[in-house]
Amino acid sequence: AAPAPDAALARSARWGRAVMEQLLGLAEAMRGRADEATRAMNASVAAAEGDAWLHAVMLMRRALAHAVLGHPDAAMADYAAAVPRLRAVGEMWFLSLTHEGMAAVERGRGDLAAAAAHARES
């Protein structure tokens, strides 16, 4: 049997898998391939389990894919789930991008007050 990877290798593998899947998912979303995008983005979130920072970031990236695909409810659900997680790990840049994404979704829905609130928070 192959030896178990050490903790650093396991962390690198988790990060690599999560990042690879989210890049694929975003590319598929930009091509309008919803099923493929959703599968890859779900895989990115699953691969990030166990790493609080990575998991929070992959949630907000999946939200972006939902927004690109024209699924505002799914986008807002993932953005909303990412916000407290990003705050908990002290991640400010991706938190700002999350609020920017929420503003864009709300603007697309026609809710300019909510869009403005998220833009200010961003």
N, C-alpha and C. Protein backbone atom coordinates (compact mmCIF):
# COMPACT_ATOMS: atom_id res chain seq x y z
N ALA A 1 0.85 -1.19 0.00
CA ALA A 1 0.00 0.00 0.00
C ALA A 1 0.89 1.23 0.00
N ALA A 2 0.42 2.25 -0.68
CA ALA A 2 1.16 3.51 -0.75
C ALA A 2 1.08 4.22 0.59
N PRO A 3 2.14 4.89 0.97
CA PRO A 3 2.12 5.62 2.24
C PRO A 3 1.12 6.78 2.18
N ALA A 4 0.54 7.10 3.33
CA ALA A 4 -0.40 8.22 3.41
C ALA A 4 0.36 9.53 3.22
N PRO A 5 -0.22 10.46 2.47
CA PRO A 5 0.48 11.74 2.28
C PRO A 5 0.56 12.51 3.59
N ASP A 6 1.61 13.29 3.75
CA ASP A 6 1.71 14.10 4.96
C ASP A 6 0.72 15.25 4.89
N ALA A 7 0.58 15.96 5.97
CA ALA A 7 -0.44 17.01 6.07
C ALA A 7 -0.24 18.11 5.03
N ALA A 8 1.00 18.50 4.76
CA ALA A 8 1.25 19.56 3.78
C ALA A 8 0.85 19.11 2.38
N LEU A 9 1.17 17.88 2.04
CA LEU A 9 0.80 17.37 0.73
C LEU A 9 -0.72 17.25 0.60
N ALA A 10 -1.37 16.80 1.66
CA ALA A 10 -2.83 16.68 1.63
C ALA A 10 -3.47 18.06 1.45
N ARG A 11 -2.95 19.06 2.13
CA ARG A 11 -3.48 20.42 2.00
C ARG A 11 -3.26 20.95 0.58
N SER A 12 -2.09 20.73 0.04
CA SER A 12 -1.80 21.17 -1.33
C SER A 12 -2.72 20.49 -2.33
N ALA A 13 -2.95 19.20 -2.13
CA ALA A 13 -3.83 18.46 -3.04
C ALA A 13 -5.26 19.00 -2.95
N ARG A 14 -5.73 19.29 -1.73
CA ARG A 14 -7.08 19.84 -1.54
C ARG A 14 -7.20 21.18 -2.26
N TRP A 15 -6.22 22.04 -2.05
CA TRP A 15 -6.24 23.36 -2.68
C TRP A 15 -6.19 23.23 -4.20
N GLY A 16 -5.29 22.39 -4.69
CA GLY A 16 -5.16 22.22 -6.14
C GLY A 16 -6.45 21.73 -6.77
N ARG A 17 -7.07 20.76 -6.14
CA ARG A 17 -8.33 20.21 -6.66
C ARG A 17 -9.43 21.27 -6.66
N ALA A 18 -9.55 21.98 -5.53
CA ALA A 18 -10.60 23.00 -5.43
C ALA A 18 -10.40 24.11 -6.46
N VAL A 19 -9.19 24.57 -6.61
CA VAL A 19 -8.91 25.66 -7.56
C VAL A 19 -9.12 25.19 -8.99
N MET A 20 -8.64 23.99 -9.30
CA MET A 20 -8.82 23.45 -10.65
C MET A 20 -10.30 23.32 -11.01
N GLU A 21 -11.08 22.78 -10.09
CA GLU A 21 -12.51 22.60 -10.36
C GLU A 21 -13.22 23.94 -10.52
N GLN A 22 -12.86 24.94 -9.68
CA GLN A 22 -13.55 26.23 -9.81
C GLN A 22 -13.15 26.94 -11.09
N LEU A 23 -11.92 26.80 -11.54
CA LEU A 23 -11.53 27.40 -12.82
C LEU A 23 -12.31 26.75 -13.97
N LEU A 24 -12.42 25.43 -13.92
CA LEU A 24 -13.19 24.72 -14.93
C LEU A 24 -14.66 25.14 -14.87
N GLY A 25 -15.20 25.24 -13.66
CA GLY A 25 -16.60 25.62 -13.50
C GLY A 25 -16.89 27.02 -14.03
N LEU A 26 -16.00 27.95 -13.73
CA LEU A 26 -16.20 29.31 -14.25
C LEU A 26 -16.09 29.35 -15.77
N ALA A 27 -15.16 28.59 -16.32
CA ALA A 27 -15.02 28.54 -17.78
C ALA A 27 -16.29 27.96 -18.41
N GLU A 28 -16.80 26.89 -17.82
CA GLU A 28 -18.03 26.27 -18.35
C GLU A 28 -19.22 27.24 -18.21
N ALA A 29 -19.27 27.97 -17.11
CA ALA A 29 -20.36 28.94 -16.93
C ALA A 29 -20.27 30.01 -18.01
N MET A 30 -19.07 30.49 -18.31
CA MET A 30 -18.92 31.51 -19.34
C MET A 30 -19.31 30.99 -20.71
N ARG A 31 -19.21 29.68 -20.90
CA ARG A 31 -19.62 29.06 -22.17
C ARG A 31 -21.11 28.75 -22.17
N GLY A 32 -21.79 28.98 -21.05
CA GLY A 32 -23.23 28.70 -20.96
C GLY A 32 -23.55 27.24 -20.73
N ARG A 33 -22.60 26.47 -20.29
CA ARG A 33 -22.80 25.03 -20.07
C ARG A 33 -23.13 24.81 -18.59
N ALA A 34 -24.39 24.99 -18.26
CA ALA A 34 -24.84 25.01 -16.87
C ALA A 34 -24.56 23.71 -16.12
N ASP A 35 -24.87 22.57 -16.72
CA ASP A 35 -24.67 21.30 -16.02
C ASP A 35 -23.20 21.07 -15.69
N GLU A 36 -22.33 21.32 -16.66
CA GLU A 36 -20.91 21.12 -16.45
C GLU A 36 -20.35 22.12 -15.44
N ALA A 37 -20.83 23.36 -15.53
CA ALA A 37 -20.38 24.39 -14.59
C ALA A 37 -20.80 24.04 -13.17
N THR A 38 -22.04 23.64 -13.01
CA THR A 38 -22.55 23.30 -11.68
C THR A 38 -21.80 22.11 -11.09
N ARG A 39 -21.56 21.09 -11.90
CA ARG A 39 -20.82 19.92 -11.42
C ARG A 39 -19.43 20.32 -10.93
N ALA A 40 -18.72 21.12 -11.72
CA ALA A 40 -17.36 21.51 -11.35
C ALA A 40 -17.37 22.42 -10.12
N MET A 41 -18.31 23.35 -10.05
CA MET A 41 -18.34 24.25 -8.91
C MET A 41 -18.72 23.51 -7.63
N ASN A 42 -19.63 22.56 -7.73
CA ASN A 42 -19.96 21.74 -6.56
C ASN A 42 -18.75 20.92 -6.12
N ALA A 43 -17.99 20.43 -7.08
CA ALA A 43 -16.77 19.68 -6.75
C ALA A 43 -15.74 20.58 -6.09
N SER A 44 -15.66 21.84 -6.51
CA SER A 44 -14.71 22.76 -5.89
C SER A 44 -15.07 23.02 -4.43
N VAL A 45 -16.35 23.22 -4.17
CA VAL A 45 -16.79 23.45 -2.79
C VAL A 45 -16.54 22.20 -1.95
N ALA A 46 -16.85 21.04 -2.49
CA ALA A 46 -16.63 19.79 -1.75
C ALA A 46 -15.14 19.56 -1.46
N ALA A 47 -14.29 19.86 -2.44
CA ALA A 47 -12.85 19.67 -2.24
C ALA A 47 -12.31 20.60 -1.17
N ALA A 48 -12.96 21.73 -0.98
CA ALA A 48 -12.49 22.73 -0.01
C ALA A 48 -12.93 22.43 1.42
N GLU A 49 -13.82 21.46 1.60
CA GLU A 49 -14.29 21.11 2.95
C GLU A 49 -13.08 20.82 3.85
N GLY A 50 -13.15 21.32 5.06
CA GLY A 50 -12.07 21.09 6.01
C GLY A 50 -11.06 22.23 6.07
N ASP A 51 -11.14 23.16 5.14
CA ASP A 51 -10.27 24.34 5.14
C ASP A 51 -11.20 25.55 5.12
N ALA A 52 -11.32 26.22 6.27
CA ALA A 52 -12.33 27.29 6.41
C ALA A 52 -12.14 28.40 5.39
N TRP A 53 -10.91 28.84 5.16
CA TRP A 53 -10.68 29.92 4.21
C TRP A 53 -11.03 29.48 2.80
N LEU A 54 -10.50 28.34 2.39
CA LEU A 54 -10.72 27.85 1.03
C LEU A 54 -12.20 27.59 0.78
N HIS A 55 -12.88 27.02 1.75
CA HIS A 55 -14.31 26.72 1.61
C HIS A 55 -15.11 28.00 1.41
N ALA A 56 -14.81 29.02 2.19
CA ALA A 56 -15.51 30.31 2.04
C ALA A 56 -15.29 30.90 0.66
N VAL A 57 -14.06 30.83 0.18
CA VAL A 57 -13.74 31.38 -1.14
C VAL A 57 -14.42 30.58 -2.24
N MET A 58 -14.44 29.27 -2.14
CA MET A 58 -15.08 28.46 -3.17
C MET A 58 -16.59 28.68 -3.19
N LEU A 59 -17.20 28.96 -2.04
CA LEU A 59 -18.63 29.30 -2.03
C LEU A 59 -18.89 30.56 -2.82
N MET A 60 -18.05 31.59 -2.59
CA MET A 60 -18.30 32.84 -3.33
C MET A 60 -17.97 32.69 -4.80
N ARG A 61 -17.04 31.83 -5.15
CA ARG A 61 -16.74 31.59 -6.56
C ARG A 61 -17.88 30.82 -7.22
N ARG A 62 -18.49 29.87 -6.48
CA ARG A 62 -19.66 29.17 -7.03
C ARG A 62 -20.81 30.14 -7.23
N ALA A 63 -20.94 31.11 -6.32
CA ALA A 63 -21.97 32.14 -6.48
C ALA A 63 -21.76 32.90 -7.77
N LEU A 64 -20.51 33.23 -8.07
CA LEU A 64 -20.20 33.93 -9.31
C LEU A 64 -20.63 33.11 -10.52
N ALA A 65 -20.36 31.82 -10.50
CA ALA A 65 -20.77 30.96 -11.62
C ALA A 65 -22.30 30.97 -11.76
N HIS A 66 -23.01 30.88 -10.63
CA HIS A 66 -24.47 30.95 -10.69
C HIS A 66 -24.93 32.26 -11.31
N ALA A 67 -24.27 33.35 -10.92
CA ALA A 67 -24.64 34.66 -11.47
C ALA A 67 -24.40 34.70 -12.97
N VAL A 68 -23.28 34.19 -13.41
CA VAL A 68 -22.96 34.16 -14.84
C VAL A 68 -23.99 33.33 -15.60
N LEU A 69 -24.45 32.25 -15.00
CA LEU A 69 -25.43 31.37 -15.63
C LEU A 69 -26.85 31.94 -15.59
N GLY A 70 -27.05 33.06 -14.90
CA GLY A 70 -28.39 33.63 -14.82
C GLY A 70 -29.26 32.99 -13.77
N HIS A 71 -28.64 32.51 -12.68
CA HIS A 71 -29.37 31.89 -11.57
C HIS A 71 -29.21 32.76 -10.33
N PRO A 72 -29.94 33.89 -10.27
CA PRO A 72 -29.70 34.84 -9.19
C PRO A 72 -30.02 34.31 -7.79
N ASP A 73 -31.03 33.48 -7.65
CA ASP A 73 -31.36 32.96 -6.31
C ASP A 73 -30.23 32.07 -5.78
N ALA A 74 -29.70 31.21 -6.63
CA ALA A 74 -28.59 30.34 -6.22
C ALA A 74 -27.34 31.18 -5.94
N ALA A 75 -27.11 32.21 -6.76
CA ALA A 75 -25.97 33.09 -6.53
C ALA A 75 -26.08 33.77 -5.18
N MET A 76 -27.23 34.34 -4.89
CA MET A 76 -27.39 35.06 -3.62
C MET A 76 -27.29 34.11 -2.42
N ALA A 77 -27.78 32.89 -2.57
CA ALA A 77 -27.67 31.93 -1.47
C ALA A 77 -26.21 31.62 -1.15
N ASP A 78 -25.41 31.40 -2.19
CA ASP A 78 -23.99 31.12 -1.96
C ASP A 78 -23.23 32.35 -1.47
N TYR A 79 -23.55 33.51 -2.05
CA TYR A 79 -22.92 34.74 -1.55
C TYR A 79 -23.24 34.93 -0.07
N ALA A 80 -24.51 34.77 0.30
CA ALA A 80 -24.92 34.95 1.69
C ALA A 80 -24.24 33.94 2.61
N ALA A 81 -24.06 32.72 2.14
CA ALA A 81 -23.36 31.71 2.95
C ALA A 81 -21.88 32.04 3.10
N ALA A 82 -21.30 32.67 2.09
CA ALA A 82 -19.88 32.99 2.12
C ALA A 82 -19.55 34.14 3.06
N VAL A 83 -20.45 35.11 3.18
CA VAL A 83 -20.15 36.33 3.95
C VAL A 83 -19.70 36.02 5.38
N PRO A 84 -20.47 35.29 6.19
CA PRO A 84 -20.00 35.06 7.57
C PRO A 84 -18.73 34.21 7.62
N ARG A 85 -18.58 33.31 6.68
CA ARG A 85 -17.38 32.47 6.65
C ARG A 85 -16.14 33.31 6.33
N LEU A 86 -16.28 34.21 5.37
CA LEU A 86 -15.15 35.09 5.02
C LEU A 86 -14.80 35.99 6.19
N ARG A 87 -15.81 36.52 6.86
CA ARG A 87 -15.56 37.36 8.03
C ARG A 87 -14.87 36.55 9.13
N ALA A 88 -15.30 35.32 9.33
CA ALA A 88 -14.74 34.49 10.40
C ALA A 88 -13.25 34.22 10.22
N VAL A 89 -12.80 34.14 8.97
CA VAL A 89 -11.38 33.88 8.72
C VAL A 89 -10.60 35.17 8.46
N GLY A 90 -11.28 36.32 8.56
CA GLY A 90 -10.61 37.60 8.38
C GLY A 90 -10.25 37.94 6.94
N GLU A 91 -10.96 37.34 5.98
CA GLU A 91 -10.67 37.55 4.56
C GLU A 91 -11.45 38.75 4.05
N MET A 92 -10.77 39.85 3.82
CA MET A 92 -11.44 41.08 3.43
C MET A 92 -11.55 41.26 1.90
N TRP A 93 -10.55 40.82 1.15
CA TRP A 93 -10.59 41.04 -0.30
C TRP A 93 -11.72 40.24 -0.94
N PHE A 94 -11.80 38.94 -0.62
CA PHE A 94 -12.88 38.13 -1.19
C PHE A 94 -14.24 38.54 -0.62
N LEU A 95 -14.26 39.06 0.62
CA LEU A 95 -15.50 39.59 1.17
C LEU A 95 -15.97 40.78 0.33
N SER A 96 -15.03 41.64 -0.04
CA SER A 96 -15.37 42.77 -0.90
C SER A 96 -15.91 42.30 -2.24
N LEU A 97 -15.27 41.30 -2.84
CA LEU A 97 -15.74 40.76 -4.11
C LEU A 97 -17.12 40.12 -3.97
N THR A 98 -17.37 39.52 -2.81
CA THR A 98 -18.68 38.91 -2.57
C THR A 98 -19.77 39.98 -2.57
N HIS A 99 -19.52 41.07 -1.86
CA HIS A 99 -20.51 42.15 -1.84
C HIS A 99 -20.65 42.80 -3.22
N GLU A 100 -19.57 42.89 -3.95
CA GLU A 100 -19.64 43.39 -5.32
C GLU A 100 -20.55 42.50 -6.17
N GLY A 101 -20.37 41.19 -6.03
CA GLY A 101 -21.21 40.24 -6.76
C GLY A 101 -22.67 40.34 -6.35
N MET A 102 -22.91 40.49 -5.05
CA MET A 102 -24.28 40.64 -4.56
C MET A 102 -24.90 41.91 -5.13
N ALA A 103 -24.12 42.98 -5.20
CA ALA A 103 -24.62 44.23 -5.77
C ALA A 103 -25.01 44.03 -7.23
N ALA A 104 -24.18 43.32 -7.97
CA ALA A 104 -24.48 43.10 -9.39
C ALA A 104 -25.75 42.28 -9.57
N VAL A 105 -25.91 41.24 -8.74
CA VAL A 105 -27.13 40.42 -8.84
C VAL A 105 -28.36 41.25 -8.50
N GLU A 106 -28.28 42.03 -7.43
CA GLU A 106 -29.43 42.85 -7.03
C GLU A 106 -29.74 43.92 -8.08
N ARG A 107 -28.71 44.48 -8.68
CA ARG A 107 -28.94 45.45 -9.76
C ARG A 107 -29.66 44.78 -10.91
N GLY A 108 -29.24 43.56 -11.24
CA GLY A 108 -29.89 42.81 -12.31
C GLY A 108 -31.34 42.49 -12.00
N ARG A 109 -31.64 42.33 -10.75
CA ARG A 109 -33.02 42.08 -10.32
C ARG A 109 -33.85 43.36 -10.28
N GLY A 110 -33.17 44.51 -10.37
CA GLY A 110 -33.87 45.78 -10.31
C GLY A 110 -33.99 46.36 -8.91
N ASP A 111 -33.35 45.73 -7.93
CA ASP A 111 -33.41 46.24 -6.55
C ASP A 111 -32.20 47.15 -6.33
N LEU A 112 -32.36 48.41 -6.72
CA LEU A 112 -31.25 49.35 -6.68
C LEU A 112 -30.83 49.71 -5.26
N ALA A 113 -31.76 49.72 -4.33
CA ALA A 113 -31.41 50.01 -2.94
C ALA A 113 -30.51 48.91 -2.36
N ALA A 114 -30.88 47.67 -2.59
CA ALA A 114 -30.06 46.55 -2.11
C ALA A 114 -28.71 46.55 -2.83
N ALA A 115 -28.73 46.81 -4.11
CA ALA A 115 -27.47 46.86 -4.88
C ALA A 115 -26.55 47.94 -4.31
N ALA A 116 -27.10 49.10 -4.02
CA ALA A 116 -26.30 50.20 -3.46
C ALA A 116 -25.74 49.83 -2.09
N ALA A 117 -26.54 49.17 -1.28
CA ALA A 117 -26.08 48.76 0.05
C ALA A 117 -24.90 47.79 -0.06
N HIS A 118 -25.00 46.84 -0.95
CA HIS A 118 -23.89 45.89 -1.13
C HIS A 118 -22.67 46.58 -1.73
N ALA A 119 -22.90 47.49 -2.64
CA ALA A 119 -21.78 48.22 -3.24
C ALA A 119 -21.04 49.03 -2.17
N ARG A 120 -21.79 49.67 -1.27
CA ARG A 120 -21.15 50.42 -0.18
C ARG A 120 -20.38 49.47 0.73
N GLU A 121 -20.95 48.33 1.04
CA GLU A 121 -20.27 47.34 1.90
C GLU A 121 -19.00 46.83 1.23
N SER A 122 -19.06 46.68 -0.07
CA SER A 122 -17.88 46.21 -0.81
C SER A 122 -16.74 47.19 -0.65
